[in-house]
């Protein structure tokens, strides 16, 4: 048995070796395809789909679960979406595969990565190092040394290509020779700093005179290393520079108290999201969150308790959002939630869910029990109509509307008054269960509508004729007239036939639901239902009027 097991392990290992070799070749082809951007043709799209499908199946068979998962993610992404609309995500998956191969020590050290149009953002490695030197021995030596330490390495023997290289593949640090035939290191340094002012750069050069060293350091390089050098010492010096920059970056990116991102980093991310959106990406939304009555709490229990609230609030939000979403501390008790690929309605639904869950949670600080609530404003980005600061102001304005409406609620920007009077829309709730009717009525307060209630079918028809509401939320089980009869009556009358109707019922038979729509209902919500979901549907239908 042991012999058979060892034999199987050897066979699997040999199969993995062959898989790695084939995968390396395919990776280069996939990168070549993705580098074409919008010019990718149908046959190349199919090639990409086959690639991810193959990865999913073969990697799983060979016990390479992480590679298999990446293959599955890529395959699912392309099941119903076009390649050209997902180049950024696909490039990310390709380079995740390459990272995994690097961990298996299977990517050739002298293999460059041509034509990569993405970035290394969020790829789990120790860092990306770009080495620019016209000496192939130095390039090969340093490439091997840094890859052995777990870094991703790019090499260039022609400094004229540096601008294109850092645009396609922004590194964490650049190691730059000073004396090169096509362009010297100082000229290359100017190009780097003109695009990435904070990117660390290290000169590696044979010029060892004190005047040369002073000139280099005054040129704003982070270190000046003289050839010949000790490789281990050079690697250590570069690691120290990267650690220093990473600590600084962490302070700039993360709020030290709450763990949320900083306002400064929010500005960068908004610029990135707008740029992606304007290139044809999907819409995104922001939510401006403000902890309710935070000042009162701070004044009552002290600043230590206030810090506890801020940390607890941020932790709850961070544990409640998707991996693609991100939270930023905007200032004091104000936070911003950035939600990529999310419409205004979807964002409101997500924030409303978080608000409801948070309102149920009890916090305890030094024996004092209390609850935390927040008010929020949501705004979806609009191409050519918004800018990074404008969308924040609009979400903030919606948040203040939520405060004015009584706090502990979510308001979307499209639903607030925009400087000119407008007629409030009217909603009628038809339900003989008073508790349900009052619950729905209470939930409608923050979307700027007038609400009336009818307790039976006969009253509902009469009130609809008299008041002409914009939308009716109709239960089917009613006294005097059933919901079916009410719906049929409304749709048969000239003065009420255009009223939007959302039927709310516990009936789940297909024939009942079909009958509802045959009679002219606009939507159907099954009991038990989520108040947040019902509110979203009300907003959707009112927006269509």
Protein backbone atom coordinates (compact mmCIF):
# COMPACT_ATOMS: atom_id res chain seq x y z
CA UNK A 1 0.00 0.00 0.00
CA UNK A 2 2.81 2.39 0.93
CA UNK A 3 4.55 1.60 -2.36
CA UNK A 4 1.36 2.30 -4.32
CA UNK A 5 0.87 5.56 -2.42
CA UNK A 6 4.44 6.67 -3.16
CA UNK A 7 4.00 5.73 -6.78
CA UNK A 8 0.78 7.75 -6.98
CA UNK A 9 2.48 10.73 -5.34
CA UNK A 10 5.27 10.52 -7.90
CA UNK A 11 2.77 10.29 -10.73
CA UNK A 12 0.85 13.28 -9.37
CA UNK A 13 4.04 15.25 -8.96
CA UNK A 14 5.09 14.46 -12.50
CA UNK A 15 1.65 15.48 -13.74
CA UNK A 16 1.90 18.73 -11.81
CA UNK A 17 5.32 19.39 -13.36
CA UNK A 18 3.85 18.98 -16.84
CA UNK A 19 0.87 21.10 -15.89
CA UNK A 20 3.10 23.90 -14.64
CA UNK A 21 5.17 23.86 -17.84
CA UNK A 22 2.09 24.02 -20.04
CA UNK A 23 0.53 26.66 -17.84
CA UNK A 24 3.56 28.92 -18.15
CA UNK A 25 3.26 28.85 -21.93
CA UNK A 26 -0.47 29.47 -21.83
CA UNK A 27 -0.07 32.38 -19.43
CA UNK A 28 2.07 34.26 -21.91
CA UNK A 29 -0.55 33.69 -24.58
CA UNK A 30 -3.36 34.90 -22.27
CA UNK A 31 -1.40 38.05 -21.40
CA UNK A 32 -0.81 38.64 -25.11
CA UNK A 33 -4.57 38.39 -25.78
CA UNK A 34 -5.54 40.67 -22.88
CA UNK A 35 -3.02 43.28 -23.97
CA UNK A 36 -5.16 43.84 -27.10
CA UNK A 37 -7.88 45.40 -24.96
CA UNK A 38 -11.01 46.25 -26.95
CA UNK A 39 -9.49 44.65 -30.09
CA UNK A 40 -9.84 41.10 -28.74
CA UNK A 41 -11.75 39.07 -31.34
CA UNK A 42 -14.27 36.26 -30.86
CA UNK A 43 -11.80 33.39 -31.32
CA UNK A 44 -9.46 34.91 -28.73
CA UNK A 45 -12.38 35.34 -26.31
CA UNK A 46 -13.16 31.66 -26.72
CA UNK A 47 -9.50 30.84 -26.10
CA UNK A 48 -9.67 32.70 -22.78
CA UNK A 49 -12.83 30.86 -21.79
CA UNK A 50 -11.26 27.49 -22.60
CA UNK A 51 -8.18 28.46 -20.61
CA UNK A 52 -10.12 29.15 -17.40
CA UNK A 53 -12.28 26.06 -17.91
CA UNK A 54 -9.17 23.91 -18.30
CA UNK A 55 -7.54 25.43 -15.22
CA UNK A 56 -10.63 24.73 -13.12
CA UNK A 57 -10.80 21.04 -14.03
CA UNK A 58 -7.15 20.04 -14.28
CA UNK A 59 -5.95 21.95 -11.22
CA UNK A 60 -8.69 20.43 -9.07
CA UNK A 61 -7.75 16.93 -10.26
CA UNK A 62 -4.14 17.55 -9.32
CA UNK A 63 -5.02 18.83 -5.87
CA UNK A 64 -4.21 22.48 -6.66
CA UNK A 65 -7.32 23.94 -5.06
CA UNK A 66 -6.27 27.59 -5.15
CA UNK A 67 -5.55 27.47 -8.88
CA UNK A 68 -8.80 25.60 -9.43
CA UNK A 69 -10.73 28.31 -7.60
CA UNK A 70 -9.15 31.00 -9.78
CA UNK A 71 -10.12 29.01 -12.86
CA UNK A 72 -13.68 28.71 -11.57
CA UNK A 73 -13.87 32.46 -10.87
CA UNK A 74 -12.65 33.26 -14.39
CA UNK A 75 -15.05 30.79 -15.98
CA UNK A 76 -18.04 32.12 -14.02
CA UNK A 77 -17.12 35.69 -14.90
CA UNK A 78 -17.23 34.86 -18.62
CA UNK A 79 -20.37 32.73 -18.56
CA UNK A 80 -22.65 35.65 -19.36
CA UNK A 81 -20.29 38.60 -19.81
CA UNK A 82 -17.99 39.70 -22.61
CA UNK A 83 -14.21 39.50 -22.30
CA UNK A 84 -13.69 43.12 -23.39
CA UNK A 85 -15.92 44.33 -20.54
CA UNK A 86 -13.88 42.46 -17.92
CA UNK A 87 -10.24 42.92 -18.98
CA UNK A 88 -9.19 44.32 -15.62
CA UNK A 89 -10.71 41.42 -13.64
CA UNK A 90 -9.35 38.80 -16.06
CA UNK A 91 -5.88 40.32 -15.91
CA UNK A 92 -6.09 40.13 -12.13
CA UNK A 93 -6.91 36.39 -12.33
CA UNK A 94 -4.08 35.76 -14.80
CA UNK A 95 -1.55 37.35 -12.51
CA UNK A 96 -3.00 35.55 -9.48
CA UNK A 97 -2.24 32.32 -11.36
CA UNK A 98 1.27 33.55 -12.06
CA UNK A 99 1.69 34.37 -8.36
CA UNK A 100 0.67 30.85 -7.43
CA UNK A 101 3.16 29.44 -9.91
CA UNK A 102 5.84 31.66 -8.38
CA UNK A 103 5.07 30.05 -5.02
CA UNK A 104 5.67 26.66 -6.58
CA UNK A 105 8.98 28.04 -7.95
CA UNK A 106 7.94 27.14 -11.47
CA UNK A 107 8.09 30.47 -13.33
CA UNK A 108 11.45 30.82 -15.18
CA UNK A 109 13.52 33.60 -13.61
CA UNK A 110 14.41 35.18 -16.91
CA UNK A 111 10.85 35.27 -18.16
CA UNK A 112 9.48 38.76 -18.67
CA UNK A 113 5.77 39.52 -18.87
CA UNK A 114 5.07 41.30 -22.15
CA UNK A 115 2.08 43.41 -22.87
CA UNK A 116 0.48 43.45 -19.39
CA UNK A 117 -2.13 46.22 -19.33
CA UNK A 118 -3.21 45.79 -15.70
CA UNK A 119 -1.58 46.50 -12.35
CA UNK A 120 -0.32 44.45 -9.45
CA UNK A 121 -2.81 46.05 -7.08
CA UNK A 122 -4.10 43.65 -4.38
CA UNK A 123 -1.94 40.72 -5.56
CA UNK A 124 -0.50 38.99 -2.50
CA UNK A 125 3.27 39.18 -2.85
CA UNK A 126 6.05 40.98 -1.00
CA UNK A 127 6.22 43.72 -3.61
CA UNK A 128 6.97 44.50 -7.22
CA UNK A 129 10.52 45.62 -8.05
CA UNK A 130 11.52 47.12 -11.40
CA UNK A 131 15.23 46.91 -12.26
CA UNK A 132 16.57 49.14 -15.05
CA UNK A 133 20.15 48.43 -16.18
CA UNK A 134 21.87 47.91 -19.49
CA UNK A 135 24.08 45.18 -17.98
CA UNK A 136 22.36 41.78 -18.47
CA UNK A 137 24.55 40.17 -15.78
CA UNK A 138 23.33 42.67 -13.17
CA UNK A 139 19.75 42.24 -14.31
CA UNK A 140 19.92 38.46 -14.06
CA UNK A 141 21.73 38.52 -10.72
CA UNK A 142 19.30 40.90 -9.03
CA UNK A 143 16.25 39.31 -10.60
CA UNK A 144 17.19 35.94 -9.12
CA UNK A 145 18.12 37.43 -5.73
CA UNK A 146 14.81 39.26 -5.29
CA UNK A 147 12.65 36.46 -6.65
CA UNK A 148 14.28 34.11 -4.13
CA UNK A 149 13.04 36.49 -1.44
CA UNK A 150 9.48 36.34 -2.75
CA UNK A 151 9.33 39.56 -4.80
CA UNK A 152 7.85 39.98 -8.26
CA UNK A 153 10.52 41.39 -10.53
CA UNK A 154 10.41 43.28 -13.80
CA UNK A 155 13.58 43.95 -15.77
CA UNK A 156 14.42 46.53 -18.43
CA UNK A 157 17.66 46.85 -20.37
CA UNK A 158 16.44 49.91 -22.26
CA UNK A 159 15.55 52.99 -20.14
CA UNK A 160 13.60 54.47 -23.06
CA UNK A 161 10.88 51.95 -22.23
CA UNK A 162 10.58 52.99 -18.58
CA UNK A 163 7.61 55.32 -19.00
CA UNK A 164 5.55 52.63 -20.72
CA UNK A 165 6.68 50.02 -18.17
CA UNK A 166 5.64 51.96 -15.06
CA UNK A 167 2.32 52.96 -16.65
CA UNK A 168 1.42 49.36 -17.43
CA UNK A 169 2.89 47.84 -14.29
CA UNK A 170 3.51 50.37 -11.46
CA UNK A 171 6.22 48.88 -9.24
CA UNK A 172 6.67 49.39 -5.51
CA UNK A 173 10.29 50.48 -6.04
CA UNK A 174 12.66 51.11 -8.96
CA UNK A 175 16.34 50.15 -8.98
CA UNK A 176 17.99 52.38 -11.56
CA UNK A 177 21.45 52.42 -13.09
CA UNK A 178 22.88 55.92 -13.60
CA UNK A 179 25.08 55.38 -16.65
CA UNK A 180 23.18 53.93 -19.62
CA UNK A 181 23.63 54.65 -23.34
CA UNK A 182 20.10 55.63 -24.39
CA UNK A 183 19.16 57.71 -21.34
CA UNK A 184 20.98 58.30 -18.06
CA UNK A 185 19.48 57.57 -14.67
CA UNK A 186 18.73 61.21 -13.89
CA UNK A 187 16.53 61.58 -16.97
CA UNK A 188 14.76 58.32 -16.14
CA UNK A 189 14.28 59.56 -12.56
CA UNK A 190 12.52 62.71 -13.81
CA UNK A 191 10.10 60.58 -15.84
CA UNK A 192 9.30 58.41 -12.82
CA UNK A 193 8.78 61.33 -10.42
CA UNK A 194 6.65 63.24 -12.93
CA UNK A 195 4.15 60.39 -12.84
CA UNK A 196 4.62 58.86 -9.39
CA UNK A 197 6.08 61.46 -7.06
CA UNK A 198 6.14 59.16 -4.03
CA UNK A 199 7.54 56.06 -5.77
CA UNK A 200 10.86 55.09 -4.13
CA UNK A 201 13.88 55.00 -6.45
CA UNK A 202 17.37 53.67 -5.73
CA UNK A 203 20.43 54.43 -7.84
CA UNK A 204 22.81 51.52 -8.44
CA UNK A 205 25.95 52.76 -10.15
CA UNK A 206 29.68 52.47 -10.55
CA UNK A 207 30.09 56.23 -9.91
CA UNK A 208 31.48 56.23 -6.40
CA UNK A 209 32.81 59.78 -6.00
CA UNK A 210 31.47 61.84 -3.12
CA UNK A 211 30.18 64.49 -5.53
CA UNK A 212 28.28 61.84 -7.48
CA UNK A 213 26.74 60.47 -4.30
CA UNK A 214 25.69 63.90 -3.09
CA UNK A 215 24.24 64.72 -6.50
CA UNK A 216 22.25 61.48 -6.50
CA UNK A 217 20.82 61.97 -3.02
CA UNK A 218 19.93 65.59 -3.78
CA UNK A 219 18.04 64.33 -6.85
CA UNK A 220 15.54 62.75 -4.44
CA UNK A 221 16.58 59.11 -4.61
CA UNK A 222 16.09 56.95 -1.54
CA UNK A 223 19.50 55.30 -1.61
CA UNK A 224 22.71 55.39 -3.62
CA UNK A 225 24.32 51.96 -3.94
CA UNK A 226 27.75 51.65 -5.49
CA UNK A 227 28.91 48.82 -7.74
CA UNK A 228 30.34 46.33 -6.99
CA UNK A 229 27.91 45.54 -4.18
CA UNK A 230 27.16 42.70 -1.83
CA UNK A 231 23.90 41.14 -2.99
CA UNK A 232 22.64 40.24 0.50
CA UNK A 233 23.35 43.75 1.75
CA UNK A 234 21.60 45.29 -1.27
CA UNK A 235 18.52 43.11 -0.76
CA UNK A 236 18.42 44.09 2.94
CA UNK A 237 18.69 47.80 2.12
CA UNK A 238 15.86 47.56 -0.41
CA UNK A 239 13.70 45.66 2.10
CA UNK A 240 14.27 48.40 4.70
CA UNK A 241 13.20 51.07 2.21
CA UNK A 242 10.06 49.12 1.30
CA UNK A 243 9.19 48.58 4.98
CA UNK A 244 9.59 52.29 5.64
CA UNK A 245 7.39 53.18 2.68
CA UNK A 246 4.83 50.56 3.59
CA UNK A 247 4.57 51.94 7.13
CA UNK A 248 4.12 55.43 5.73
CA UNK A 249 1.59 54.16 3.17
CA UNK A 250 -0.33 52.38 5.91
CA UNK A 251 -0.60 55.60 7.92
CA UNK A 252 -1.81 57.42 4.82
CA UNK A 253 -4.25 54.66 3.86
CA UNK A 254 -5.63 53.49 7.23
CA UNK A 255 -7.19 55.48 10.06
CA UNK A 256 -5.26 54.42 13.15
CA UNK A 257 -8.27 54.48 15.50
CA UNK A 258 -10.96 52.70 13.49
CA UNK A 259 -9.13 50.62 10.90
CA UNK A 260 -11.17 52.23 8.13
CA UNK A 261 -9.37 53.85 5.22
CA UNK A 262 -8.44 57.53 5.41
CA UNK A 263 -10.11 60.46 3.71
CA UNK A 264 -6.94 61.04 1.69
CA UNK A 265 -7.09 57.52 0.32
CA UNK A 266 -10.79 57.98 -0.47
CA UNK A 267 -9.87 60.81 -2.82
CA UNK A 268 -7.49 58.50 -4.69
CA UNK A 269 -9.99 55.66 -4.88
CA UNK A 270 -12.76 57.95 -6.15
CA UNK A 271 -10.46 59.18 -8.92
CA UNK A 272 -9.78 55.55 -9.86
CA UNK A 273 -13.46 54.60 -9.81
CA UNK A 274 -14.44 57.59 -11.96
CA UNK A 275 -11.67 56.82 -14.44
CA UNK A 276 -12.83 53.19 -14.68
CA UNK A 277 -16.46 54.27 -15.02
CA UNK A 278 -15.69 56.78 -17.77
CA UNK A 279 -13.81 54.09 -19.70
CA UNK A 280 -17.07 52.20 -19.94
CA UNK A 281 -17.19 50.45 -16.60
CA UNK A 282 -20.28 49.71 -14.56
CA UNK A 283 -21.76 52.38 -12.26
CA UNK A 284 -20.77 52.73 -8.63
CA UNK A 285 -22.34 54.38 -5.58
CA UNK A 286 -21.18 56.05 -2.38
CA UNK A 287 -22.96 56.16 0.97
CA UNK A 288 -22.25 58.94 3.46
CA UNK A 289 -22.77 57.62 7.02
CA UNK A 290 -23.05 59.71 10.18
CA UNK A 291 -23.40 58.21 13.68
CA UNK A 292 -26.56 59.60 15.30
CA UNK A 293 -26.18 61.80 18.41
CA UNK A 294 -22.49 61.01 18.71
CA UNK A 295 -21.70 64.34 20.39
CA UNK A 296 -24.29 63.72 23.10
CA UNK A 297 -22.82 60.30 23.77
CA UNK A 298 -19.28 61.70 23.83
CA UNK A 299 -20.26 64.47 26.26
CA UNK A 300 -22.13 62.04 28.54
CA UNK A 301 -19.64 59.19 28.80
CA UNK A 302 -16.32 60.78 27.79
CA UNK A 303 -13.88 60.60 24.91
CA UNK A 304 -12.74 57.05 25.72
CA UNK A 305 -16.31 55.89 25.25
CA UNK A 306 -16.52 57.95 22.06
CA UNK A 307 -13.45 56.15 20.70
CA UNK A 308 -15.07 52.85 21.64
CA UNK A 309 -18.18 53.80 19.66
CA UNK A 310 -16.14 54.82 16.60
CA UNK A 311 -14.15 51.57 16.65
CA UNK A 312 -17.23 49.43 17.27
CA UNK A 313 -19.17 51.15 14.50
CA UNK A 314 -16.35 50.79 11.96
CA UNK A 315 -15.78 47.15 12.90
CA UNK A 316 -19.47 46.36 12.45
CA UNK A 317 -19.60 48.03 9.03
CA UNK A 318 -16.37 46.34 7.86
CA UNK A 319 -17.77 42.95 8.86
CA UNK A 320 -21.04 43.66 7.02
CA UNK A 321 -19.84 44.75 3.57
CA UNK A 322 -18.59 42.87 0.52
CA UNK A 323 -14.90 42.39 -0.19
CA UNK A 324 -15.21 44.78 -3.13
CA UNK A 325 -16.65 47.54 -0.91
CA UNK A 326 -14.47 49.80 1.22
CA UNK A 327 -15.03 52.03 4.26
CA UNK A 328 -13.39 55.42 4.83
CA UNK A 329 -13.36 57.66 7.88
CA UNK A 330 -14.24 61.06 6.49
CA UNK A 331 -13.88 62.98 9.73
CA UNK A 332 -15.10 62.71 13.33
CA UNK A 333 -18.13 60.39 13.33
CA UNK A 334 -18.60 60.61 9.54
CA UNK A 335 -17.74 57.68 7.26
CA UNK A 336 -18.02 57.02 3.53
CA UNK A 337 -18.79 53.64 2.00
CA UNK A 338 -17.55 53.14 -1.58
CA UNK A 339 -19.50 50.45 -3.45
CA UNK A 340 -18.20 49.50 -6.93
CA UNK A 341 -20.53 47.99 -9.53
CA UNK A 342 -23.56 49.04 -7.48
CA UNK A 343 -26.59 51.09 -8.46
CA UNK A 344 -28.20 53.63 -6.14
CA UNK A 345 -31.08 51.31 -5.33
CA UNK A 346 -28.77 48.34 -4.69
CA UNK A 347 -26.58 50.51 -2.47
CA UNK A 348 -29.56 51.76 -0.48
CA UNK A 349 -30.78 48.20 0.02
CA UNK A 350 -27.34 47.14 1.30
CA UNK A 351 -26.98 50.13 3.64
CA UNK A 352 -30.55 49.69 4.87
CA UNK A 353 -29.75 46.06 5.75
CA UNK A 354 -26.67 47.18 7.71
CA UNK A 355 -28.69 49.90 9.45
CA UNK A 356 -31.39 47.46 10.53
CA UNK A 357 -28.83 44.92 11.82
CA UNK A 358 -26.83 47.56 13.70
CA UNK A 359 -29.95 48.96 15.39
CA UNK A 360 -30.55 45.52 16.95
CA UNK A 361 -27.05 45.23 18.41
CA UNK A 362 -26.32 46.24 22.02
CA UNK A 363 -22.92 47.69 22.90
CA UNK A 364 -21.39 47.73 26.38
CA UNK A 365 -18.75 50.13 27.68
CA UNK A 366 -17.70 49.97 31.32
CA UNK A 367 -21.11 48.74 32.42
CA UNK A 368 -23.10 51.14 30.25
CA UNK A 369 -25.32 49.43 27.66
CA UNK A 370 -26.40 51.38 24.62
CA UNK A 371 -27.29 51.11 20.95
CA UNK A 372 -25.69 52.83 17.95
CA UNK A 373 -27.67 54.07 14.98
CA UNK A 374 -26.67 56.05 11.94
CA UNK A 375 -28.17 58.18 9.20
CA UNK A 376 -27.01 57.70 5.62
CA UNK A 377 -27.25 59.33 2.22
CA UNK A 378 -26.64 57.38 -0.98
CA UNK A 379 -25.62 58.69 -4.40
CA UNK A 380 -24.90 56.81 -7.63
CA UNK A 381 -22.21 58.18 -9.94
CA UNK A 382 -23.42 59.66 -13.20
CA UNK A 383 -21.08 59.74 -16.17
CA UNK A 384 -20.12 63.33 -17.19
CA UNK A 385 -22.42 64.77 -14.51
CA UNK A 386 -20.44 64.01 -11.36
CA UNK A 387 -16.91 64.41 -10.04
CA UNK A 388 -15.22 62.89 -6.95
CA UNK A 389 -15.98 65.80 -4.64
CA UNK A 390 -19.40 66.44 -6.13
CA UNK A 391 -20.66 62.93 -5.46
CA UNK A 392 -19.53 63.19 -1.83
CA UNK A 393 -21.37 66.51 -1.40
CA UNK A 394 -24.54 65.01 -2.87
CA UNK A 395 -24.37 61.91 -0.66
CA UNK A 396 -23.73 64.21 2.32
CA UNK A 397 -26.80 66.26 1.38
CA UNK A 398 -28.91 63.11 1.27
CA UNK A 399 -27.52 62.14 4.69
CA UNK A 400 -28.66 65.49 6.14
CA UNK A 401 -32.10 64.83 4.67
CA UNK A 402 -32.10 61.56 6.62
CA UNK A 403 -31.16 63.47 9.80
CA UNK A 404 -33.94 65.98 9.25
CA UNK A 405 -36.46 63.18 8.69
CA UNK A 406 -35.76 61.81 12.18
CA UNK A 407 -32.36 60.01 12.03
CA UNK A 408 -31.68 56.26 11.85
CA UNK A 409 -32.67 55.99 8.21
CA UNK A 410 -31.26 55.90 4.66
CA UNK A 411 -32.12 58.44 1.97
CA UNK A 412 -31.08 58.30 -1.68
CA UNK A 413 -30.07 61.52 -3.41
CA UNK A 414 -32.49 61.10 -6.30
CA UNK A 415 -35.41 61.23 -3.84
CA UNK A 416 -34.61 64.52 -2.07
CA UNK A 417 -35.78 67.91 -3.23
CA UNK A 418 -33.25 69.59 -5.52
CA UNK A 419 -33.84 73.25 -4.77
CA UNK A 420 -37.32 73.54 -6.25
CA UNK A 421 -40.76 72.57 -4.91
CA UNK A 422 -42.16 69.32 -6.16
CA UNK A 423 -45.36 67.48 -5.48
CA UNK A 424 -45.05 64.75 -2.88
CA UNK A 425 -46.12 61.36 -4.11
CA UNK A 426 -48.87 59.49 -2.34
CA UNK A 427 -48.96 55.86 -1.24
CA UNK A 428 -52.00 54.01 0.08
CA UNK A 429 -51.63 50.88 2.23
CA UNK A 430 -54.54 48.42 2.12
CA UNK A 431 -54.30 45.86 4.92
CA UNK A 432 -56.70 44.85 7.72
CA UNK A 433 -53.79 43.94 10.02
CA UNK A 434 -53.14 47.25 11.74
CA UNK A 435 -49.67 46.27 13.00
CA UNK A 436 -48.48 45.45 9.47
CA UNK A 437 -50.07 48.58 8.03
CA UNK A 438 -48.43 50.83 10.66
CA UNK A 439 -45.06 49.12 10.19
CA UNK A 440 -45.16 49.74 6.44
CA UNK A 441 -46.39 53.31 6.96
CA UNK A 442 -43.53 54.03 9.37
CA UNK A 443 -40.97 52.69 6.91
CA UNK A 444 -42.26 55.02 4.16
CA UNK A 445 -41.57 58.21 6.15
CA UNK A 446 -38.00 58.69 4.99
CA UNK A 447 -38.65 58.50 1.24
CA UNK A 448 -40.70 61.68 1.07
CA UNK A 449 -44.20 60.33 0.41
CA UNK A 450 -47.62 60.95 1.96
CA UNK A 451 -49.21 57.75 3.27
CA UNK A 452 -52.84 56.82 3.89
CA UNK A 453 -54.30 53.52 5.13
CA UNK A 454 -57.45 51.58 4.24
CA UNK A 455 -58.52 48.65 6.42
CA UNK A 456 -60.86 46.82 4.00
CA UNK A 457 -61.40 46.36 0.27
CA UNK A 458 -64.50 48.50 -0.03
CA UNK A 459 -62.84 51.48 1.68
CA UNK A 460 -59.75 50.99 -0.47
CA UNK A 461 -61.67 51.38 -3.74
CA UNK A 462 -63.52 54.48 -2.49
CA UNK A 463 -60.35 56.16 -1.18
CA UNK A 464 -58.47 55.35 -4.38
CA UNK A 465 -61.15 57.12 -6.44
CA UNK A 466 -61.18 60.13 -4.11
CA UNK A 467 -57.44 60.51 -3.35
CA UNK A 468 -55.90 59.06 -6.52
CA UNK A 469 -52.67 57.81 -4.88
CA UNK A 470 -49.61 57.19 -7.03
CA UNK A 471 -49.12 53.69 -5.65
CA UNK A 472 -51.12 51.16 -3.61
CA UNK A 473 -49.66 48.42 -1.42
CA UNK A 474 -52.46 45.83 -1.45
CA UNK A 475 -53.02 42.76 0.73
CA UNK A 476 -55.10 39.97 -0.84
CA UNK A 477 -56.88 38.76 2.33
CA UNK A 478 -59.28 41.61 3.12
CA UNK A 479 -62.79 41.94 4.59
CA UNK A 480 -65.77 43.04 2.43
CA UNK A 481 -63.80 42.74 -0.85
CA UNK A 482 -60.85 40.48 -1.53
CA UNK A 483 -57.62 41.92 -2.85
CA UNK A 484 -58.36 40.28 -6.21
CA UNK A 485 -61.67 42.11 -6.37
CA UNK A 486 -60.09 45.40 -5.32
CA UNK A 487 -57.42 45.04 -8.00
CA UNK A 488 -59.99 44.18 -10.68
CA UNK A 489 -62.14 47.15 -9.66
CA UNK A 490 -59.21 49.59 -9.70
CA UNK A 491 -58.02 48.51 -13.12
CA UNK A 492 -61.54 48.72 -14.60
CA UNK A 493 -62.10 52.36 -13.62
CA UNK A 494 -60.76 55.16 -15.80
CA UNK A 495 -59.73 57.31 -12.84
CA UNK A 496 -57.74 54.53 -11.06
CA UNK A 497 -56.52 52.21 -13.83
CA UNK A 498 -53.05 53.84 -14.01
CA UNK A 499 -52.32 53.62 -10.27
CA UNK A 500 -49.28 51.44 -9.56
CA UNK A 501 -50.16 48.41 -7.41
CA UNK A 502 -47.81 46.22 -5.36
CA UNK A 503 -49.58 43.13 -4.02
CA UNK A 504 -48.34 41.85 -0.66
CA UNK A 505 -49.58 38.39 0.29
CA UNK A 506 -48.62 35.04 1.79
CA UNK A 507 -50.19 33.20 -1.15
CA UNK A 508 -47.57 31.23 -3.03
CA UNK A 509 -49.51 29.11 -5.50
CA UNK A 510 -48.52 29.82 -9.07
CA UNK A 511 -52.12 30.32 -10.16
CA UNK A 512 -52.71 33.01 -7.51
CA UNK A 513 -49.57 34.90 -8.48
CA UNK A 514 -50.42 34.59 -12.17
CA UNK A 515 -53.92 35.92 -11.49
CA UNK A 516 -52.47 38.96 -9.68
CA UNK A 517 -50.48 39.95 -12.73
CA UNK A 518 -53.33 39.14 -15.14
CA UNK A 519 -55.49 41.62 -13.23
CA UNK A 520 -52.85 44.32 -13.74
CA UNK A 521 -50.62 44.37 -10.64
CA UNK A 522 -47.17 45.87 -11.12
CA UNK A 523 -45.33 43.78 -8.52
CA UNK A 524 -45.81 40.92 -6.05
CA UNK A 525 -44.11 40.61 -2.62
CA UNK A 526 -44.57 37.47 -0.55
CA UNK A 527 -45.14 37.54 3.21
CA UNK A 528 -43.10 37.42 5.38
CA UNK A 529 -41.17 40.20 3.68
CA UNK A 530 -38.27 42.51 4.39
CA UNK A 531 -39.30 46.11 5.03
CA UNK A 532 -36.13 47.25 3.31
CA UNK A 533 -36.91 45.23 0.18
CA UNK A 534 -40.50 46.50 0.07
CA UNK A 535 -39.25 50.07 0.38
CA UNK A 536 -36.84 49.53 -2.52
CA UNK A 537 -39.66 48.26 -4.71
CA UNK A 538 -41.86 51.23 -3.78
CA UNK A 539 -39.06 53.63 -4.73
CA UNK A 540 -38.48 51.78 -8.00
CA UNK A 541 -42.12 52.01 -9.07
CA UNK A 542 -42.54 55.63 -7.93
CA UNK A 543 -39.48 56.56 -9.98
CA UNK A 544 -41.18 55.13 -13.06
CA UNK A 545 -44.12 57.54 -12.75
